[in-house]
Amino acid sequence: MTMNERSRDFFELNGKVAFLPGGYGDLGRAIARSLCEKGAKVVVAGRSLAKGQALAAEIRSEGGDAAAIALDVQSVGGIPKAVDEVVDRYGAVDILINCIGIQREQPILKVTEEAFDEVYRSNLKAAMFLAQAVAKHQVAAARGGKQVHLLSVRSKLGIRGRGYSAYCSTKGGLVMLVKQHAMELAPYRINVNGVAPTFVDSRMLDPLRGDPGFLEKAMARNPLGYLATPEDVSGAAVFFCSRAADYITGQVLYVDGGITASQ
């Protein structure tokens, strides 16, 4: 085996089964495609089965192995059933990439209990029970595994002039969930990490595009000076799923152009 062949092996995921709740959003699509390019089988899940099926069909047309299932993470009882469906289909669930994340922007003086609870249920509570359901199968299989949660620089930094109480607090809580799950699952060789991007050029950015000058000011504070792409995020996610990250757990990789290094 040549040196280049050994290096490629670090990132190959042949035969691995990856479960991507929330995987048909812009970031999830990029991650799903990247995983399949590395040889993984991918199951995308979300409220819209049609969107998941459309993405899975696109990936299959490109030579990948992908499927879709319906899942509403606001209903915790449906989460174990969805994971069981993944295992029934492919025989295992080696990788969890939790792409779930919502924002309901409200300034502090106008935050409603209903909106705050919705964000909490999606961003933090769902992460807990997705991780648990996948871990039960991974522990039982006794062959290790990887769990990756999508976070945000808002897990570490507040944001001026915006109503981000629910979003920032739930993403910040998710950082500690990653660390704690990493400790509890380490004896089983299950690695748990997070990927935390800054603003990504995706549809999630649409609500901010109508704010004149906001993105320009944000980019002026970014050391690299430009928006991340979904592929920037997918590269970090694939790294954490690969053999290259076998000795990394409980960590958060900030894909942020240097924002958290300077603020």
C-alpha atoms as a PDB file:
ATOM      1  CA  MET A   1       0.000   0.000   0.000  1.00  0.00           C
ATOM      2  CA  THR A   2       1.405   3.383  -1.003  1.00  0.00           C
ATOM      3  CA  MET A   3       1.515   6.432   1.262  1.00  0.00           C
ATOM      4  CA  ASN A   4      -1.335   8.058  -0.710  1.00  0.00           C
ATOM      5  CA  GLU A   5      -3.460   4.921  -0.349  1.00  0.00           C
ATOM      6  CA  ARG A   6      -2.931   4.894   3.420  1.00  0.00           C
ATOM      7  CA  SER A   7      -3.946   8.573   3.618  1.00  0.00           C
ATOM      8  CA  ARG A   8      -7.113   7.977   1.616  1.00  0.00           C
ATOM      9  CA  ASP A   9      -8.103   5.198   3.996  1.00  0.00           C
ATOM     10  CA  PHE A  10      -8.377   7.722   6.825  1.00  0.00           C
ATOM     11  CA  PHE A  11     -11.471   9.255   5.252  1.00  0.00           C
ATOM     12  CA  GLU A  12     -13.150   6.297   3.597  1.00  0.00           C
ATOM     13  CA  LEU A  13     -16.512   5.250   5.018  1.00  0.00           C
ATOM     14  CA  ASN A  14     -17.191   2.148   2.964  1.00  0.00           C
ATOM     15  CA  GLY A  15     -19.951   0.033   4.515  1.00  0.00           C
ATOM     16  CA  LYS A  16     -20.846   2.579   7.198  1.00  0.00           C
ATOM     17  CA  VAL A  17     -24.496   3.516   7.752  1.00  0.00           C
ATOM     18  CA  ALA A  18     -25.233   7.161   8.508  1.00  0.00           C
ATOM     19  CA  PHE A  19     -28.479   8.574   9.901  1.00  0.00           C
ATOM     20  CA  LEU A  20     -29.134  12.260   9.148  1.00  0.00           C
ATOM     21  CA  PRO A  21     -32.212  13.734  10.866  1.00  0.00           C
ATOM     22  CA  GLY A  22     -32.825  17.114   9.281  1.00  0.00           C
ATOM     23  CA  GLY A  23     -30.649  15.979   6.403  1.00  0.00           C
ATOM     24  CA  TYR A  24     -32.542  17.499   3.494  1.00  0.00           C
ATOM     25  CA  GLY A  25     -31.718  21.111   4.387  1.00  0.00           C
ATOM     26  CA  ASP A  26     -28.865  22.837   2.586  1.00  0.00           C
ATOM     27  CA  LEU A  27     -26.213  21.725   5.090  1.00  0.00           C
ATOM     28  CA  GLY A  28     -27.645  18.234   5.407  1.00  0.00           C
ATOM     29  CA  ARG A  29     -27.727  17.802   1.621  1.00  0.00           C
ATOM     30  CA  ALA A  30     -24.054  18.684   1.337  1.00  0.00           C
ATOM     31  CA  ILE A  31     -23.147  16.350   4.203  1.00  0.00           C
ATOM     32  CA  ALA A  32     -25.252  13.484   2.824  1.00  0.00           C
ATOM     33  CA  ARG A  33     -23.597  13.754  -0.571  1.00  0.00           C
ATOM     34  CA  SER A  34     -20.117  13.942   0.958  1.00  0.00           C
ATOM     35  CA  LEU A  35     -20.761  10.846   3.081  1.00  0.00           C
ATOM     36  CA  CYS A  36     -21.966   8.891   0.070  1.00  0.00           C
ATOM     37  CA  GLU A  37     -18.934   9.980  -1.939  1.00  0.00           C
ATOM     38  CA  LYS A  38     -16.829   8.369   0.794  1.00  0.00           C
ATOM     39  CA  GLY A  39     -18.792   5.124   0.551  1.00  0.00           C
ATOM     40  CA  ALA A  40     -21.366   5.453   3.332  1.00  0.00           C
ATOM     41  CA  LYS A  41     -25.014   4.492   3.099  1.00  0.00           C
ATOM     42  CA  VAL A  42     -27.225   7.385   4.136  1.00  0.00           C
ATOM     43  CA  VAL A  43     -30.719   7.624   5.588  1.00  0.00           C
ATOM     44  CA  VAL A  44     -32.197  11.130   5.576  1.00  0.00           C
ATOM     45  CA  ALA A  45     -35.083  11.897   7.931  1.00  0.00           C
ATOM     46  CA  GLY A  46     -37.424  14.815   8.508  1.00  0.00           C
ATOM     47  CA  ARG A  47     -41.009  15.979   8.634  1.00  0.00           C
ATOM     48  CA  SER A  48     -41.316  16.043   4.856  1.00  0.00           C
ATOM     49  CA  LEU A  49     -40.900  12.517   3.565  1.00  0.00           C
ATOM     50  CA  ALA A  50     -41.222  13.871   0.020  1.00  0.00           C
ATOM     51  CA  LYS A  51     -38.180  16.153   0.442  1.00  0.00           C
ATOM     52  CA  GLY A  52     -36.162  13.316   1.911  1.00  0.00           C
ATOM     53  CA  GLN A  53     -37.155  10.966  -0.875  1.00  0.00           C
ATOM     54  CA  ALA A  54     -36.255  13.554  -3.505  1.00  0.00           C
ATOM     55  CA  LEU A  55     -32.765  13.961  -2.057  1.00  0.00           C
ATOM     56  CA  ALA A  56     -32.302  10.198  -1.727  1.00  0.00           C
ATOM     57  CA  ALA A  57     -33.325   9.752  -5.361  1.00  0.00           C
ATOM     58  CA  GLU A  58     -30.825  12.410  -6.459  1.00  0.00           C
ATOM     59  CA  ILE A  59     -28.034  10.683  -4.551  1.00  0.00           C
ATOM     60  CA  ARG A  60     -28.943   7.281  -5.977  1.00  0.00           C
ATOM     61  CA  SER A  61     -28.949   8.749  -9.494  1.00  0.00           C
ATOM     62  CA  GLU A  62     -25.371   9.851  -8.823  1.00  0.00           C
ATOM     63  CA  GLY A  63     -24.342   6.345  -7.751  1.00  0.00           C
ATOM     64  CA  GLY A  64     -24.801   6.659  -3.982  1.00  0.00           C
ATOM     65  CA  ASP A  65     -26.845   4.522  -1.614  1.00  0.00           C
ATOM     66  CA  ALA A  66     -29.501   6.609   0.130  1.00  0.00           C
ATOM     67  CA  ALA A  67     -32.983   6.287   1.582  1.00  0.00           C
ATOM     68  CA  ALA A  68     -35.455   8.506   3.411  1.00  0.00           C
ATOM     69  CA  ILE A  69     -37.838   8.122   6.329  1.00  0.00           C
ATOM     70  CA  ALA A  70     -40.370  10.415   7.975  1.00  0.00           C
ATOM     71  CA  LEU A  71     -39.526  11.829  11.402  1.00  0.00           C
ATOM     72  CA  ASP A  72     -40.905  14.687  13.470  1.00  0.00           C
ATOM     73  CA  VAL A  73     -38.401  15.207  16.276  1.00  0.00           C
ATOM     74  CA  GLN A  74     -40.919  17.332  18.180  1.00  0.00           C
ATOM     75  CA  SER A  75     -42.491  13.962  19.006  1.00  0.00           C
ATOM     76  CA  VAL A  76     -39.828  12.185  21.073  1.00  0.00           C
ATOM     77  CA  GLY A  77     -41.708   8.899  20.955  1.00  0.00           C
ATOM     78  CA  GLY A  78     -41.111   8.637  17.211  1.00  0.00           C
ATOM     79  CA  ILE A  79     -37.338   8.909  17.452  1.00  0.00           C
ATOM     80  CA  PRO A  80     -36.516   5.318  18.558  1.00  0.00           C
ATOM     81  CA  LYS A  81     -38.897   3.983  15.915  1.00  0.00           C
ATOM     82  CA  ALA A  82     -37.080   5.957  13.220  1.00  0.00           C
ATOM     83  CA  VAL A  83     -33.686   4.650  14.343  1.00  0.00           C
ATOM     84  CA  ASP A  84     -35.068   1.103  14.434  1.00  0.00           C
ATOM     85  CA  GLU A  85     -36.216   1.623  10.839  1.00  0.00           C
ATOM     86  CA  VAL A  86     -32.670   2.575   9.820  1.00  0.00           C
ATOM     87  CA  VAL A  87     -31.274  -0.562  11.459  1.00  0.00           C
ATOM     88  CA  ASP A  88     -34.000  -2.752   9.950  1.00  0.00           C
ATOM     89  CA  ARG A  89     -33.116  -1.441   6.507  1.00  0.00           C
ATOM     90  CA  TYR A  90     -29.311  -1.504   6.638  1.00  0.00           C
ATOM     91  CA  GLY A  91     -28.472  -3.679   9.642  1.00  0.00           C
ATOM     92  CA  ALA A  92     -26.668  -0.997  11.637  1.00  0.00           C
ATOM     93  CA  VAL A  93     -26.410   2.698  12.461  1.00  0.00           C
ATOM     94  CA  ASP A  94     -22.728   3.575  12.623  1.00  0.00           C
ATOM     95  CA  ILE A  95     -23.040   7.346  12.328  1.00  0.00           C
ATOM     96  CA  LEU A  96     -25.453   9.969  13.599  1.00  0.00           C
ATOM     97  CA  ILE A  97     -25.243  13.451  12.135  1.00  0.00           C
ATOM     98  CA  ASN A  98     -27.871  15.581  13.818  1.00  0.00           C
ATOM     99  CA  CYS A  99     -28.720  18.361  11.366  1.00  0.00           C
ATOM    100  CA  ILE A 100     -31.836  19.513  13.239  1.00  0.00           C
ATOM    101  CA  GLY A 101     -31.950  23.200  14.066  1.00  0.00           C
ATOM    102  CA  ILE A 102     -34.550  25.953  14.021  1.00  0.00           C
ATOM    103  CA  GLN A 103     -34.679  29.612  14.978  1.00  0.00           C
ATOM    104  CA  ARG A 104     -37.660  31.715  16.014  1.00  0.00           C
ATOM    105  CA  GLU A 105     -36.304  35.228  16.215  1.00  0.00           C
ATOM    106  CA  GLN A 106     -37.854  37.309  19.006  1.00  0.00           C
ATOM    107  CA  PRO A 107     -36.268  40.167  20.992  1.00  0.00           C
ATOM    108  CA  ILE A 108     -35.994  39.493  24.709  1.00  0.00           C
ATOM    109  CA  LEU A 109     -38.934  41.733  25.598  1.00  0.00           C
ATOM    110  CA  LYS A 110     -41.197  39.786  23.238  1.00  0.00           C
ATOM    111  CA  VAL A 111     -40.061  36.169  23.658  1.00  0.00           C
ATOM    112  CA  THR A 112     -43.055  33.850  23.994  1.00  0.00           C
ATOM    113  CA  GLU A 113     -43.119  30.600  25.895  1.00  0.00           C
ATOM    114  CA  GLU A 114     -44.519  28.821  22.851  1.00  0.00           C
ATOM    115  CA  ALA A 115     -41.684  29.909  20.540  1.00  0.00           C
ATOM    116  CA  PHE A 116     -38.965  29.278  23.134  1.00  0.00           C
ATOM    117  CA  ASP A 117     -40.268  25.776  23.840  1.00  0.00           C
ATOM    118  CA  GLU A 118     -40.433  24.967  20.118  1.00  0.00           C
ATOM    119  CA  VAL A 119     -36.783  25.897  19.649  1.00  0.00           C
ATOM    120  CA  TYR A 120     -35.796  23.979  22.792  1.00  0.00           C
ATOM    121  CA  ARG A 121     -37.627  20.844  21.666  1.00  0.00           C
ATOM    122  CA  SER A 122     -35.948  20.898  18.252  1.00  0.00           C
ATOM    123  CA  ASN A 123     -32.452  22.106  19.069  1.00  0.00           C
ATOM    124  CA  LEU A 124     -31.725  20.479  22.421  1.00  0.00           C
ATOM    125  CA  LYS A 125     -34.344  17.967  23.547  1.00  0.00           C
ATOM    126  CA  ALA A 126     -34.381  16.206  20.178  1.00  0.00           C
ATOM    127  CA  ALA A 127     -30.575  16.031  20.204  1.00  0.00           C
ATOM    128  CA  MET A 128     -30.689  14.250  23.553  1.00  0.00           C
ATOM    129  CA  PHE A 129     -33.084  11.554  22.426  1.00  0.00           C
ATOM    130  CA  LEU A 130     -31.624  11.145  18.932  1.00  0.00           C
ATOM    131  CA  ALA A 131     -28.263  10.511  20.571  1.00  0.00           C
ATOM    132  CA  GLN A 132     -29.798   8.087  23.059  1.00  0.00           C
ATOM    133  CA  ALA A 133     -31.683   6.076  20.447  1.00  0.00           C
ATOM    134  CA  VAL A 134     -28.638   5.758  18.201  1.00  0.00           C
ATOM    135  CA  ALA A 135     -26.322   5.006  21.123  1.00  0.00           C
ATOM    136  CA  LYS A 136     -28.488   2.086  22.239  1.00  0.00           C
ATOM    137  CA  HIS A 137     -27.918   0.397  18.885  1.00  0.00           C
ATOM    138  CA  GLN A 138     -24.241   1.361  18.754  1.00  0.00           C
ATOM    139  CA  VAL A 139     -23.559   0.034  22.251  1.00  0.00           C
ATOM    140  CA  ALA A 140     -25.402  -3.205  21.514  1.00  0.00           C
ATOM    141  CA  ALA A 141     -23.455  -3.681  18.263  1.00  0.00           C
ATOM    142  CA  ALA A 142     -20.159  -3.286  20.180  1.00  0.00           C
ATOM    143  CA  ARG A 143     -18.261  -1.892  17.200  1.00  0.00           C
ATOM    144  CA  GLY A 144     -17.974   1.760  18.162  1.00  0.00           C
ATOM    145  CA  GLY A 145     -19.545   4.620  16.276  1.00  0.00           C
ATOM    146  CA  LYS A 146     -19.633   8.341  15.597  1.00  0.00           C
ATOM    147  CA  GLN A 147     -22.132  10.996  16.627  1.00  0.00           C
ATOM    148  CA  VAL A 148     -21.922  14.551  15.287  1.00  0.00           C
ATOM    149  CA  HIS A 149     -24.207  17.454  16.119  1.00  0.00           C
ATOM    150  CA  LEU A 150     -24.481  20.620  14.044  1.00  0.00           C
ATOM    151  CA  LEU A 151     -24.084  23.626  16.298  1.00  0.00           C
ATOM    152  CA  SER A 152     -23.340  27.281  15.568  1.00  0.00           C
ATOM    153  CA  VAL A 153     -20.908  29.964  16.608  1.00  0.00           C
ATOM    154  CA  ARG A 154     -23.967  31.185  18.545  1.00  0.00           C
ATOM    155  CA  SER A 155     -23.259  28.334  20.953  1.00  0.00           C
ATOM    156  CA  LYS A 156     -20.304  30.463  22.058  1.00  0.00           C
ATOM    157  CA  LEU A 157     -21.092  34.033  20.986  1.00  0.00           C
ATOM    158  CA  GLY A 158     -24.140  36.231  21.422  1.00  0.00           C
ATOM    159  CA  ILE A 159     -25.264  38.403  18.527  1.00  0.00           C
ATOM    160  CA  ARG A 160     -25.921  42.129  18.615  1.00  0.00           C
ATOM    161  CA  GLY A 161     -29.207  43.591  17.527  1.00  0.00           C
ATOM    162  CA  ARG A 162     -31.072  40.306  16.993  1.00  0.00           C
ATOM    163  CA  GLY A 163     -33.554  38.277  19.044  1.00  0.00           C
ATOM    164  CA  TYR A 164     -31.603  35.060  19.505  1.00  0.00           C
ATOM    165  CA  SER A 165     -32.335  34.073  23.119  1.00  0.00           C
ATOM    166  CA  ALA A 166     -33.810  30.671  22.295  1.00  0.00           C
ATOM    167  CA  TYR A 167     -31.320  29.827  19.577  1.00  0.00           C
ATOM    168  CA  CYS A 168     -28.165  30.815  21.475  1.00  0.00           C
ATOM    169  CA  SER A 169     -29.200  29.162  24.719  1.00  0.00           C
ATOM    170  CA  THR A 170     -30.170  25.862  23.099  1.00  0.00           C
ATOM    171  CA  LYS A 171     -27.052  25.684  20.949  1.00  0.00           C
ATOM    172  CA  GLY A 172     -24.949  26.542  23.999  1.00  0.00           C
ATOM    173  CA  GLY A 173     -26.647  23.751  25.922  1.00  0.00           C
ATOM    174  CA  LEU A 174     -25.921  21.390  23.057  1.00  0.00           C
ATOM    175  CA  VAL A 175     -22.183  22.001  23.497  1.00  0.00           C
ATOM    176  CA  MET A 176     -22.390  20.576  27.006  1.00  0.00           C
ATOM    177  CA  LEU A 177     -24.566  17.710  25.804  1.00  0.00           C
ATOM    178  CA  VAL A 178     -21.820  16.832  23.312  1.00  0.00           C
ATOM    179  CA  LYS A 179     -19.198  16.880  26.055  1.00  0.00           C
ATOM    180  CA  GLN A 180     -21.250  14.806  28.490  1.00  0.00           C
ATOM    181  CA  HIS A 181     -22.280  12.236  25.895  1.00  0.00           C
ATOM    182  CA  ALA A 182     -18.650  11.962  24.843  1.00  0.00           C
ATOM    183  CA  MET A 183     -17.724  11.023  28.404  1.00  0.00           C
ATOM    184  CA  GLU A 184     -20.519   8.499  28.842  1.00  0.00           C
ATOM    185  CA  LEU A 185     -19.997   6.825  25.466  1.00  0.00           C
ATOM    186  CA  ALA A 186     -16.184   6.821  25.440  1.00  0.00           C
ATOM    187  CA  PRO A 187     -15.968   3.348  27.070  1.00  0.00           C
ATOM    188  CA  TYR A 188     -17.872   2.011  24.058  1.00  0.00           C
ATOM    189  CA  ARG A 189     -15.545   3.706  21.524  1.00  0.00           C
ATOM    190  CA  ILE A 190     -18.352   5.997  20.402  1.00  0.00           C
ATOM    191  CA  ASN A 191     -17.026   9.463  19.548  1.00  0.00           C
ATOM    192  CA  VAL A 192     -19.280  12.492  20.034  1.00  0.00           C
ATOM    193  CA  ASN A 193     -18.366  15.867  18.546  1.00  0.00           C
ATOM    194  CA  GLY A 194     -19.898  19.051  17.195  1.00  0.00           C
ATOM    195  CA  VAL A 195     -19.473  21.201  14.086  1.00  0.00           C
ATOM    196  CA  ALA A 196     -20.254  24.872  14.643  1.00  0.00           C
ATOM    197  CA  PRO A 197     -20.417  27.080  11.548  1.00  0.00           C
ATOM    198  CA  THR A 198     -20.877  30.807  11.300  1.00  0.00           C
ATOM    199  CA  PHE A 199     -23.194  32.278   8.643  1.00  0.00           C
ATOM    200  CA  VAL A 200     -23.468  29.824   5.741  1.00  0.00           C
ATOM    201  CA  ASP A 201     -24.645  30.791   2.273  1.00  0.00           C
ATOM    202  CA  SER A 202     -27.879  28.814   2.477  1.00  0.00           C
ATOM    203  CA  ARG A 203     -31.624  29.274   2.739  1.00  0.00           C
ATOM    204  CA  MET A 204     -31.372  29.592   6.522  1.00  0.00           C
ATOM    205  CA  LEU A 205     -29.739  32.947   5.873  1.00  0.00           C
ATOM    206  CA  ASP A 206     -32.733  34.289   3.933  1.00  0.00           C
ATOM    207  CA  PRO A 207     -34.346  36.110   6.924  1.00  0.00           C
ATOM    208  CA  LEU A 208     -31.156  38.151   7.333  1.00  0.00           C
ATOM    209  CA  ARG A 209     -30.748  39.061   3.677  1.00  0.00           C
ATOM    210  CA  GLY A 210     -33.489  41.658   3.982  1.00  0.00           C
ATOM    211  CA  ASP A 211     -31.632  43.570   6.691  1.00  0.00           C
ATOM    212  CA  PRO A 212     -29.660  46.232   4.791  1.00  0.00           C
ATOM    213  CA  GLY A 213     -25.994  46.108   5.623  1.00  0.00           C
ATOM    214  CA  PHE A 214     -26.241  43.319   8.224  1.00  0.00           C
ATOM    215  CA  LEU A 215     -24.310  40.710   6.287  1.00  0.00           C
ATOM    216  CA  GLU A 216     -21.786  43.273   5.110  1.00  0.00           C
ATOM    217  CA  LYS A 217     -21.083  44.252   8.711  1.00  0.00           C
ATOM    218  CA  ALA A 218     -20.889  40.607   9.748  1.00  0.00           C
ATOM    219  CA  MET A 219     -18.395  39.815   7.008  1.00  0.00           C
ATOM    220  CA  ALA A 220     -16.337  42.871   7.935  1.00  0.00           C
ATOM    221  CA  ARG A 221     -15.806  41.276  11.360  1.00  0.00           C
ATOM    222  CA  ASN A 222     -14.917  37.900   9.822  1.00  0.00           C
ATOM    223  CA  PRO A 223     -11.150  37.445   9.439  1.00  0.00           C
ATOM    224  CA  LEU A 224     -11.532  35.480   6.192  1.00  0.00           C
ATOM    225  CA  GLY A 225     -14.133  37.975   5.002  1.00  0.00           C
ATOM    226  CA  TYR A 226     -16.615  35.774   3.157  1.00  0.00           C
ATOM    227  CA  LEU A 227     -19.566  33.461   3.780  1.00  0.00           C
ATOM    228  CA  ALA A 228     -19.049  29.766   4.406  1.00  0.00           C
ATOM    229  CA  THR A 229     -20.533  27.283   1.948  1.00  0.00           C
ATOM    230  CA  PRO A 230     -22.421  24.090   2.834  1.00  0.00           C
ATOM    231  CA  GLU A 231     -19.412  22.163   1.541  1.00  0.00           C
ATOM    232  CA  ASP A 232     -17.176  23.879   4.103  1.00  0.00           C
ATOM    233  CA  VAL A 233     -19.394  22.408   6.796  1.00  0.00           C
ATOM    234  CA  SER A 234     -19.684  18.978   5.182  1.00  0.00           C
ATOM    235  CA  GLY A 235     -15.903  18.573   5.131  1.00  0.00           C
ATOM    236  CA  ALA A 236     -15.731  19.029   8.901  1.00  0.00           C
ATOM    237  CA  ALA A 237     -18.613  16.613   9.442  1.00  0.00           C
ATOM    238  CA  VAL A 238     -17.044  13.914   7.276  1.00  0.00           C
ATOM    239  CA  PHE A 239     -13.771  14.338   9.168  1.00  0.00           C
ATOM    240  CA  PHE A 240     -15.469  13.628  12.501  1.00  0.00           C
ATOM    241  CA  CYS A 241     -17.138  10.534  10.997  1.00  0.00           C
ATOM    242  CA  SER A 242     -13.898   9.138   9.646  1.00  0.00           C
ATOM    243  CA  ARG A 243     -11.054   7.086  11.055  1.00  0.00           C
ATOM    244  CA  ALA A 244      -8.986  10.286  11.062  1.00  0.00           C
ATOM    245  CA  ALA A 245     -11.008  11.431  14.098  1.00  0.00           C
ATOM    246  CA  ASP A 246     -10.921   8.176  16.080  1.00  0.00           C
ATOM    247  CA  TYR A 247      -8.988   9.827  18.914  1.00  0.00           C
ATOM    248  CA  ILE A 248     -11.112  12.981  19.048  1.00  0.00           C
ATOM    249  CA  THR A 249     -14.209  13.192  21.222  1.00  0.00           C
ATOM    250  CA  GLY A 250     -16.080  15.840  23.180  1.00  0.00           C
ATOM    251  CA  GLN A 251     -14.863  18.596  20.876  1.00  0.00           C
ATOM    252  CA  VAL A 252     -16.489  21.373  18.857  1.00  0.00           C
ATOM    253  CA  LEU A 253     -14.915  22.447  15.571  1.00  0.00           C
ATOM    254  CA  TYR A 254     -15.805  26.043  14.739  1.00  0.00           C
ATOM    255  CA  VAL A 255     -16.088  26.429  10.964  1.00  0.00           C
ATOM    256  CA  ASP A 256     -16.224  30.177  11.214  1.00  0.00           C
ATOM    257  CA  GLY A 257     -13.554  31.971   9.230  1.00  0.00           C
ATOM    258  CA  GLY A 258     -11.806  32.875  12.475  1.00  0.00           C
ATOM    259  CA  ILE A 259     -14.716  34.633  14.206  1.00  0.00           C
ATOM    260  CA  THR A 260     -14.356  32.840  17.539  1.00  0.00           C
ATOM    261  CA  ALA A 261     -10.591  33.371  17.518  1.00  0.00           C
ATOM    262  CA  SER A 262     -11.036  37.120  17.330  1.00  0.00           C
ATOM    263  CA  GLN A 263     -14.177  37.788  19.384  1.00  0.00           C
END
